[in-house]
Amino acid sequence: MTKQTAEMEVHFEDLKEEDLREVYDLCMETFQESFAFEEIEKTFQLCRNDAHYRFLVGKSQGKVVAYTSINIFHNLFDGRRPIMTLWYVCVSKEVRRKGVGRLLFREIEKIARENDCEIIYFTCLQENTGAQNFYRSLGYTDEKEKAFVKYLD
């Protein structure tokens, strides 16, 4: 699906293997992390055909400018409608504040509605106040629930 900001067109599609390196670079730059690319390749191969996973890419002029991992699942106690979780929501530094993030979330919400999701859930680092303000501007709230994280490594 192609969407447009005032400054650029962005086409959203599922991640293709040939775009994996570009997505890897975007995520490593955005989150200042360091994972072995081979591990990312293995995870992509493991999940790419699982209907519960979706790796969404936004491209402008053939270049990856946005990405998120989507997981859709049912919780036994939250009713019959599924929940969507997002991981690694990122927009390239070169196109931030140009509407690409809004387009990305418009596409995410479209996918959530198509899958009859009840909730979209994601975390954000406490120190990333810019992202938090952006998410609030889209109608997301952190007033009702807080995420707790424990890294097991």
N, C-alpha and C. Protein backbone atom coordinates (compact mmCIF):
# COMPACT_ATOMS: atom_id res chain seq x y z
N MET A 1 0.84 -1.16 0.00
CA MET A 1 0.00 0.00 0.00
C MET A 1 0.89 1.24 0.00
N THR A 2 0.66 2.16 -0.92
CA THR A 2 1.43 3.39 -1.00
C THR A 2 0.64 4.51 -0.31
N LYS A 3 1.34 5.25 0.53
CA LYS A 3 0.76 6.40 1.23
C LYS A 3 1.69 7.57 1.01
N GLN A 4 1.17 8.77 1.21
CA GLN A 4 1.98 9.94 0.91
C GLN A 4 1.91 10.97 2.03
N THR A 5 3.07 11.56 2.32
CA THR A 5 3.13 12.72 3.21
C THR A 5 3.18 13.95 2.31
N ALA A 6 3.28 15.10 2.91
CA ALA A 6 3.40 16.32 2.12
C ALA A 6 4.70 16.33 1.33
N GLU A 7 5.71 15.57 1.80
CA GLU A 7 7.03 15.63 1.19
C GLU A 7 7.44 14.38 0.42
N MET A 8 6.78 13.24 0.67
CA MET A 8 7.28 12.01 0.05
C MET A 8 6.21 10.93 0.00
N GLU A 9 6.40 9.97 -0.91
CA GLU A 9 5.56 8.78 -0.98
C GLU A 9 6.26 7.65 -0.25
N VAL A 10 5.48 6.85 0.48
CA VAL A 10 6.02 5.70 1.18
C VAL A 10 5.15 4.50 0.81
N HIS A 11 5.80 3.45 0.39
CA HIS A 11 5.13 2.19 0.03
C HIS A 11 5.38 1.18 1.14
N PHE A 12 4.30 0.58 1.66
CA PHE A 12 4.43 -0.41 2.73
C PHE A 12 4.25 -1.81 2.17
N GLU A 13 5.11 -2.71 2.64
CA GLU A 13 5.06 -4.09 2.19
C GLU A 13 5.69 -4.98 3.24
N ASP A 14 5.50 -6.28 3.08
CA ASP A 14 6.17 -7.23 3.96
C ASP A 14 7.65 -7.27 3.62
N LEU A 15 8.45 -7.46 4.64
CA LEU A 15 9.91 -7.54 4.47
C LEU A 15 10.27 -8.68 3.52
N LYS A 16 11.12 -8.35 2.58
CA LYS A 16 11.67 -9.36 1.65
C LYS A 16 13.11 -9.64 2.06
N GLU A 17 13.55 -10.82 1.78
CA GLU A 17 14.89 -11.23 2.18
C GLU A 17 15.96 -10.27 1.66
N GLU A 18 15.77 -9.76 0.46
CA GLU A 18 16.77 -8.86 -0.11
C GLU A 18 16.84 -7.50 0.61
N ASP A 19 15.84 -7.19 1.42
CA ASP A 19 15.84 -5.94 2.18
C ASP A 19 16.28 -6.14 3.63
N LEU A 20 16.63 -7.36 4.00
CA LEU A 20 16.96 -7.67 5.38
C LEU A 20 18.16 -6.88 5.89
N ARG A 21 19.19 -6.73 5.10
CA ARG A 21 20.39 -5.98 5.53
C ARG A 21 20.05 -4.52 5.79
N GLU A 22 19.23 -3.94 4.91
CA GLU A 22 18.85 -2.54 5.08
C GLU A 22 18.02 -2.34 6.36
N VAL A 23 17.12 -3.27 6.64
CA VAL A 23 16.33 -3.21 7.86
C VAL A 23 17.23 -3.39 9.08
N TYR A 24 18.14 -4.32 8.99
CA TYR A 24 19.12 -4.56 10.07
C TYR A 24 19.88 -3.27 10.38
N ASP A 25 20.40 -2.62 9.35
CA ASP A 25 21.17 -1.38 9.54
C ASP A 25 20.30 -0.29 10.18
N LEU A 26 19.05 -0.16 9.72
CA LEU A 26 18.14 0.85 10.27
C LEU A 26 17.89 0.58 11.76
N CYS A 27 17.61 -0.66 12.12
CA CYS A 27 17.32 -0.99 13.52
C CYS A 27 18.56 -0.83 14.40
N MET A 28 19.71 -1.23 13.91
CA MET A 28 20.93 -1.09 14.72
C MET A 28 21.26 0.39 14.94
N GLU A 29 21.05 1.22 13.91
CA GLU A 29 21.30 2.65 14.05
C GLU A 29 20.27 3.28 15.01
N THR A 30 19.03 2.92 14.86
CA THR A 30 17.96 3.52 15.67
C THR A 30 18.11 3.18 17.14
N PHE A 31 18.42 1.92 17.43
CA PHE A 31 18.42 1.46 18.82
C PHE A 31 19.82 1.29 19.40
N GLN A 32 20.85 1.65 18.64
CA GLN A 32 22.24 1.51 19.09
C GLN A 32 22.50 0.13 19.70
N GLU A 33 22.08 -0.87 18.97
CA GLU A 33 22.28 -2.25 19.43
C GLU A 33 23.28 -2.94 18.52
N SER A 34 23.69 -4.10 18.94
CA SER A 34 24.67 -4.84 18.17
C SER A 34 24.35 -6.33 18.23
N PHE A 35 23.60 -6.79 17.26
CA PHE A 35 23.29 -8.21 17.12
C PHE A 35 23.99 -8.71 15.87
N ALA A 36 24.36 -9.96 15.88
CA ALA A 36 24.97 -10.55 14.69
C ALA A 36 23.92 -10.65 13.57
N PHE A 37 24.28 -10.20 12.39
CA PHE A 37 23.35 -10.24 11.26
C PHE A 37 22.87 -11.66 11.01
N GLU A 38 23.72 -12.65 11.22
CA GLU A 38 23.36 -14.04 10.99
C GLU A 38 22.20 -14.47 11.90
N GLU A 39 22.16 -13.93 13.10
CA GLU A 39 21.05 -14.24 14.01
C GLU A 39 19.74 -13.65 13.49
N ILE A 40 19.82 -12.46 12.93
CA ILE A 40 18.64 -11.81 12.36
C ILE A 40 18.14 -12.64 11.17
N GLU A 41 19.06 -13.10 10.35
CA GLU A 41 18.69 -13.95 9.21
C GLU A 41 17.98 -15.22 9.68
N LYS A 42 18.50 -15.86 10.72
CA LYS A 42 17.90 -17.09 11.24
C LYS A 42 16.48 -16.83 11.76
N THR A 43 16.31 -15.74 12.49
CA THR A 43 15.00 -15.41 13.04
C THR A 43 14.02 -15.12 11.91
N PHE A 44 14.47 -14.40 10.89
CA PHE A 44 13.61 -14.11 9.74
C PHE A 44 13.16 -15.40 9.08
N GLN A 45 14.08 -16.33 8.88
CA GLN A 45 13.72 -17.61 8.26
C GLN A 45 12.75 -18.40 9.14
N LEU A 46 12.93 -18.34 10.44
CA LEU A 46 12.08 -19.05 11.38
C LEU A 46 10.65 -18.51 11.37
N CYS A 47 10.48 -17.19 11.26
CA CYS A 47 9.17 -16.56 11.43
C CYS A 47 8.49 -16.14 10.13
N ARG A 48 9.18 -16.09 9.05
CA ARG A 48 8.64 -15.49 7.83
C ARG A 48 7.36 -16.13 7.31
N ASN A 49 7.16 -17.41 7.56
CA ASN A 49 5.96 -18.10 7.08
C ASN A 49 4.94 -18.36 8.18
N ASP A 50 5.17 -17.80 9.35
CA ASP A 50 4.25 -17.94 10.47
C ASP A 50 3.20 -16.83 10.37
N ALA A 51 1.94 -17.20 10.27
CA ALA A 51 0.86 -16.22 10.08
C ALA A 51 0.72 -15.25 11.25
N HIS A 52 1.31 -15.55 12.39
CA HIS A 52 1.20 -14.67 13.55
C HIS A 52 2.22 -13.53 13.51
N TYR A 53 3.18 -13.62 12.60
CA TYR A 53 4.23 -12.61 12.50
C TYR A 53 4.09 -11.84 11.20
N ARG A 54 4.46 -10.58 11.28
CA ARG A 54 4.51 -9.75 10.09
C ARG A 54 5.67 -8.78 10.28
N PHE A 55 6.51 -8.68 9.31
CA PHE A 55 7.63 -7.74 9.34
C PHE A 55 7.31 -6.66 8.30
N LEU A 56 6.93 -5.49 8.76
CA LEU A 56 6.43 -4.43 7.89
C LEU A 56 7.53 -3.43 7.57
N VAL A 57 7.68 -3.13 6.30
CA VAL A 57 8.71 -2.22 5.80
C VAL A 57 8.04 -1.08 5.05
N GLY A 58 8.53 0.13 5.31
CA GLY A 58 8.11 1.29 4.53
C GLY A 58 9.28 1.71 3.65
N LYS A 59 9.02 1.89 2.37
CA LYS A 59 10.07 2.28 1.43
C LYS A 59 9.70 3.57 0.72
N SER A 60 10.71 4.38 0.49
CA SER A 60 10.57 5.59 -0.31
C SER A 60 11.68 5.59 -1.34
N GLN A 61 11.32 5.70 -2.58
CA GLN A 61 12.28 5.67 -3.69
C GLN A 61 13.17 4.43 -3.59
N GLY A 62 12.57 3.30 -3.22
CA GLY A 62 13.29 2.03 -3.17
C GLY A 62 14.14 1.82 -1.93
N LYS A 63 14.20 2.81 -1.04
CA LYS A 63 15.03 2.73 0.16
C LYS A 63 14.14 2.48 1.38
N VAL A 64 14.56 1.60 2.28
CA VAL A 64 13.82 1.34 3.51
C VAL A 64 13.93 2.56 4.42
N VAL A 65 12.78 3.11 4.79
CA VAL A 65 12.75 4.29 5.66
C VAL A 65 11.99 4.04 6.96
N ALA A 66 11.29 2.91 7.05
CA ALA A 66 10.53 2.59 8.26
C ALA A 66 10.40 1.08 8.39
N TYR A 67 10.27 0.64 9.64
CA TYR A 67 10.17 -0.80 9.90
C TYR A 67 9.51 -1.04 11.26
N THR A 68 8.79 -2.14 11.35
CA THR A 68 8.35 -2.69 12.64
C THR A 68 8.08 -4.18 12.49
N SER A 69 8.26 -4.89 13.60
CA SER A 69 7.87 -6.30 13.70
C SER A 69 6.49 -6.33 14.35
N ILE A 70 5.60 -7.11 13.77
CA ILE A 70 4.23 -7.23 14.28
C ILE A 70 3.99 -8.68 14.67
N ASN A 71 3.38 -8.85 15.85
CA ASN A 71 2.97 -10.17 16.29
C ASN A 71 1.50 -10.07 16.68
N ILE A 72 0.68 -10.96 16.14
CA ILE A 72 -0.75 -10.97 16.45
C ILE A 72 -1.05 -12.29 17.15
N PHE A 73 -1.63 -12.19 18.35
CA PHE A 73 -1.91 -13.40 19.12
C PHE A 73 -3.18 -13.24 19.94
N HIS A 74 -3.69 -14.36 20.40
CA HIS A 74 -4.86 -14.37 21.28
C HIS A 74 -4.40 -14.62 22.71
N ASN A 75 -5.03 -13.91 23.63
CA ASN A 75 -4.81 -14.14 25.05
C ASN A 75 -6.06 -14.83 25.57
N LEU A 76 -5.92 -15.93 26.21
CA LEU A 76 -7.04 -16.74 26.67
C LEU A 76 -8.05 -15.92 27.48
N PHE A 77 -7.59 -14.95 28.25
CA PHE A 77 -8.48 -14.23 29.15
C PHE A 77 -8.90 -12.85 28.66
N ASP A 78 -8.47 -12.45 27.49
CA ASP A 78 -8.84 -11.13 26.98
C ASP A 78 -9.90 -11.20 25.89
N GLY A 79 -10.67 -12.24 25.86
CA GLY A 79 -11.73 -12.32 24.88
C GLY A 79 -11.29 -12.98 23.59
N ARG A 80 -12.16 -12.91 22.62
CA ARG A 80 -11.93 -13.62 21.37
C ARG A 80 -11.14 -12.83 20.34
N ARG A 81 -10.99 -11.54 20.57
CA ARG A 81 -10.28 -10.71 19.60
C ARG A 81 -8.79 -10.72 19.90
N PRO A 82 -7.95 -10.77 18.87
CA PRO A 82 -6.50 -10.83 19.08
C PRO A 82 -5.91 -9.49 19.52
N ILE A 83 -4.69 -9.59 19.99
CA ILE A 83 -3.88 -8.45 20.41
C ILE A 83 -2.71 -8.33 19.45
N MET A 84 -2.36 -7.11 19.10
CA MET A 84 -1.20 -6.87 18.25
C MET A 84 -0.09 -6.28 19.12
N THR A 85 1.10 -6.86 19.02
CA THR A 85 2.26 -6.26 19.66
C THR A 85 3.23 -5.80 18.58
N LEU A 86 3.92 -4.72 18.88
CA LEU A 86 4.91 -4.17 17.97
C LEU A 86 6.27 -4.22 18.64
N TRP A 87 7.29 -4.48 17.85
CA TRP A 87 8.67 -4.48 18.32
C TRP A 87 9.50 -3.76 17.27
N TYR A 88 10.48 -3.03 17.72
CA TYR A 88 11.40 -2.33 16.82
C TYR A 88 10.67 -1.42 15.85
N VAL A 89 9.91 -0.50 16.41
CA VAL A 89 9.28 0.54 15.60
C VAL A 89 10.38 1.56 15.29
N CYS A 90 10.69 1.73 14.02
CA CYS A 90 11.75 2.70 13.71
C CYS A 90 11.53 3.38 12.37
N VAL A 91 11.99 4.63 12.33
CA VAL A 91 11.95 5.46 11.13
C VAL A 91 13.35 6.02 10.95
N SER A 92 13.82 5.99 9.73
CA SER A 92 15.16 6.48 9.40
C SER A 92 15.32 7.95 9.83
N LYS A 93 16.48 8.26 10.38
CA LYS A 93 16.75 9.63 10.84
C LYS A 93 16.55 10.65 9.73
N GLU A 94 16.86 10.27 8.50
CA GLU A 94 16.77 11.21 7.37
C GLU A 94 15.34 11.65 7.08
N VAL A 95 14.35 10.85 7.49
CA VAL A 95 12.97 11.20 7.16
C VAL A 95 12.10 11.45 8.39
N ARG A 96 12.71 11.52 9.56
CA ARG A 96 11.93 11.82 10.75
C ARG A 96 11.37 13.24 10.66
N ARG A 97 10.21 13.40 11.26
CA ARG A 97 9.49 14.68 11.28
C ARG A 97 8.99 15.10 9.89
N LYS A 98 8.83 14.08 9.03
CA LYS A 98 8.29 14.34 7.69
C LYS A 98 7.00 13.56 7.46
N GLY A 99 6.42 13.01 8.53
CA GLY A 99 5.15 12.31 8.41
C GLY A 99 5.24 10.81 8.20
N VAL A 100 6.45 10.29 8.08
CA VAL A 100 6.62 8.86 7.81
C VAL A 100 6.14 8.03 9.00
N GLY A 101 6.42 8.47 10.22
CA GLY A 101 5.96 7.74 11.40
C GLY A 101 4.44 7.66 11.45
N ARG A 102 3.79 8.76 11.10
CA ARG A 102 2.31 8.75 11.07
C ARG A 102 1.80 7.78 10.01
N LEU A 103 2.45 7.76 8.86
CA LEU A 103 2.05 6.81 7.82
C LEU A 103 2.26 5.38 8.28
N LEU A 104 3.38 5.13 8.96
CA LEU A 104 3.66 3.80 9.48
C LEU A 104 2.55 3.36 10.43
N PHE A 105 2.17 4.23 11.35
CA PHE A 105 1.12 3.86 12.30
C PHE A 105 -0.25 3.77 11.64
N ARG A 106 -0.48 4.53 10.62
CA ARG A 106 -1.73 4.38 9.86
C ARG A 106 -1.80 2.98 9.25
N GLU A 107 -0.66 2.53 8.71
CA GLU A 107 -0.61 1.19 8.11
C GLU A 107 -0.74 0.11 9.20
N ILE A 108 -0.06 0.30 10.32
CA ILE A 108 -0.16 -0.65 11.44
C ILE A 108 -1.62 -0.78 11.89
N GLU A 109 -2.30 0.34 12.06
CA GLU A 109 -3.68 0.31 12.51
C GLU A 109 -4.60 -0.32 11.46
N LYS A 110 -4.31 -0.12 10.20
CA LYS A 110 -5.08 -0.77 9.13
C LYS A 110 -4.93 -2.29 9.24
N ILE A 111 -3.72 -2.76 9.44
CA ILE A 111 -3.48 -4.21 9.60
C ILE A 111 -4.19 -4.72 10.84
N ALA A 112 -4.15 -3.96 11.93
CA ALA A 112 -4.83 -4.36 13.17
C ALA A 112 -6.34 -4.50 12.93
N ARG A 113 -6.92 -3.55 12.24
CA ARG A 113 -8.36 -3.62 11.95
C ARG A 113 -8.69 -4.81 11.04
N GLU A 114 -7.85 -5.04 10.04
CA GLU A 114 -8.08 -6.17 9.13
C GLU A 114 -8.04 -7.51 9.88
N ASN A 115 -7.29 -7.55 10.98
CA ASN A 115 -7.18 -8.76 11.78
C ASN A 115 -8.07 -8.73 13.01
N ASP A 116 -8.97 -7.76 13.08
CA ASP A 116 -9.93 -7.61 14.17
C ASP A 116 -9.25 -7.53 15.53
N CYS A 117 -8.09 -6.89 15.59
CA CYS A 117 -7.36 -6.76 16.85
C CYS A 117 -8.09 -5.80 17.78
N GLU A 118 -8.03 -6.11 19.05
CA GLU A 118 -8.67 -5.28 20.06
C GLU A 118 -7.70 -4.22 20.60
N ILE A 119 -6.42 -4.58 20.68
CA ILE A 119 -5.42 -3.73 21.30
C ILE A 119 -4.15 -3.74 20.45
N ILE A 120 -3.49 -2.60 20.38
CA ILE A 120 -2.12 -2.52 19.85
C ILE A 120 -1.24 -2.17 21.04
N TYR A 121 -0.23 -2.98 21.26
CA TYR A 121 0.62 -2.84 22.44
C TYR A 121 2.09 -2.79 22.02
N PHE A 122 2.84 -1.87 22.60
CA PHE A 122 4.29 -1.81 22.36
C PHE A 122 4.95 -1.10 23.52
N THR A 123 6.24 -1.22 23.62
CA THR A 123 6.99 -0.54 24.67
C THR A 123 7.85 0.56 24.05
N CYS A 124 8.30 1.44 24.92
CA CYS A 124 9.19 2.52 24.50
C CYS A 124 10.13 2.79 25.66
N LEU A 125 11.37 3.01 25.38
CA LEU A 125 12.33 3.30 26.44
C LEU A 125 11.92 4.56 27.20
N GLN A 126 12.09 4.53 28.52
CA GLN A 126 11.68 5.66 29.35
C GLN A 126 12.36 6.96 28.96
N GLU A 127 13.60 6.88 28.54
CA GLU A 127 14.32 8.11 28.21
C GLU A 127 13.99 8.66 26.82
N ASN A 128 13.23 7.92 26.04
CA ASN A 128 12.89 8.35 24.69
C ASN A 128 11.61 9.19 24.71
N THR A 129 11.72 10.37 25.29
CA THR A 129 10.54 11.22 25.45
C THR A 129 9.99 11.74 24.11
N GLY A 130 10.86 11.91 23.14
CA GLY A 130 10.40 12.33 21.82
C GLY A 130 9.43 11.32 21.22
N ALA A 131 9.81 10.04 21.28
CA ALA A 131 8.94 8.98 20.76
C ALA A 131 7.65 8.90 21.58
N GLN A 132 7.78 9.04 22.90
CA GLN A 132 6.59 8.98 23.75
C GLN A 132 5.60 10.08 23.39
N ASN A 133 6.10 11.28 23.18
CA ASN A 133 5.22 12.39 22.80
C ASN A 133 4.58 12.13 21.44
N PHE A 134 5.35 11.55 20.52
CA PHE A 134 4.80 11.21 19.21
C PHE A 134 3.67 10.20 19.35
N TYR A 135 3.89 9.13 20.13
CA TYR A 135 2.86 8.10 20.31
C TYR A 135 1.61 8.69 20.95
N ARG A 136 1.79 9.57 21.92
CA ARG A 136 0.63 10.22 22.55
C ARG A 136 -0.13 11.06 21.52
N SER A 137 0.59 11.72 20.61
CA SER A 137 -0.07 12.55 19.60
C SER A 137 -0.93 11.72 18.66
N LEU A 138 -0.64 10.41 18.59
CA LEU A 138 -1.43 9.49 17.76
C LEU A 138 -2.59 8.86 18.53
N GLY A 139 -2.70 9.19 19.81
CA GLY A 139 -3.80 8.66 20.61
C GLY A 139 -3.43 7.48 21.49
N TYR A 140 -2.16 7.10 21.52
CA TYR A 140 -1.72 6.00 22.39
C TYR A 140 -1.49 6.55 23.79
N THR A 141 -1.72 5.72 24.78
CA THR A 141 -1.60 6.17 26.15
C THR A 141 -0.74 5.22 26.97
N ASP A 142 -0.10 5.77 27.97
CA ASP A 142 0.66 4.96 28.91
C ASP A 142 0.12 5.18 30.33
N GLU A 143 -1.06 5.74 30.41
CA GLU A 143 -1.63 6.08 31.71
C GLU A 143 -2.22 4.86 32.42
N LYS A 144 -2.75 3.91 31.68
CA LYS A 144 -3.45 2.79 32.29
C LYS A 144 -2.53 1.63 32.66
N GLU A 145 -1.55 1.35 31.81
CA GLU A 145 -0.68 0.20 32.03
C GLU A 145 0.78 0.59 31.86
N LYS A 146 1.65 -0.13 32.50
CA LYS A 146 3.09 0.02 32.36
C LYS A 146 3.66 -1.33 31.96
N ALA A 147 4.67 -1.31 31.15
CA ALA A 147 5.33 -2.55 30.75
C ALA A 147 6.47 -2.83 31.73
N PHE A 148 6.61 -4.09 32.08
CA PHE A 148 7.73 -4.53 32.91
C PHE A 148 8.54 -5.50 32.08
N VAL A 149 9.84 -5.36 32.11
CA VAL A 149 10.73 -6.14 31.25
C VAL A 149 11.82 -6.76 32.10
N LYS A 150 12.11 -8.02 31.85
CA LYS A 150 13.23 -8.68 32.49
C LYS A 150 14.02 -9.41 31.41
N TYR A 151 15.25 -9.00 31.22
CA TYR A 151 16.12 -9.64 30.23
C TYR A 151 16.74 -10.88 30.87
N LEU A 152 16.64 -12.00 30.22
CA LEU A 152 17.09 -13.27 30.79
C LEU A 152 18.49 -13.66 30.38
N ASP A 153 19.15 -12.87 29.60
CA ASP A 153 20.52 -13.18 29.17
C ASP A 153 21.53 -12.60 30.10
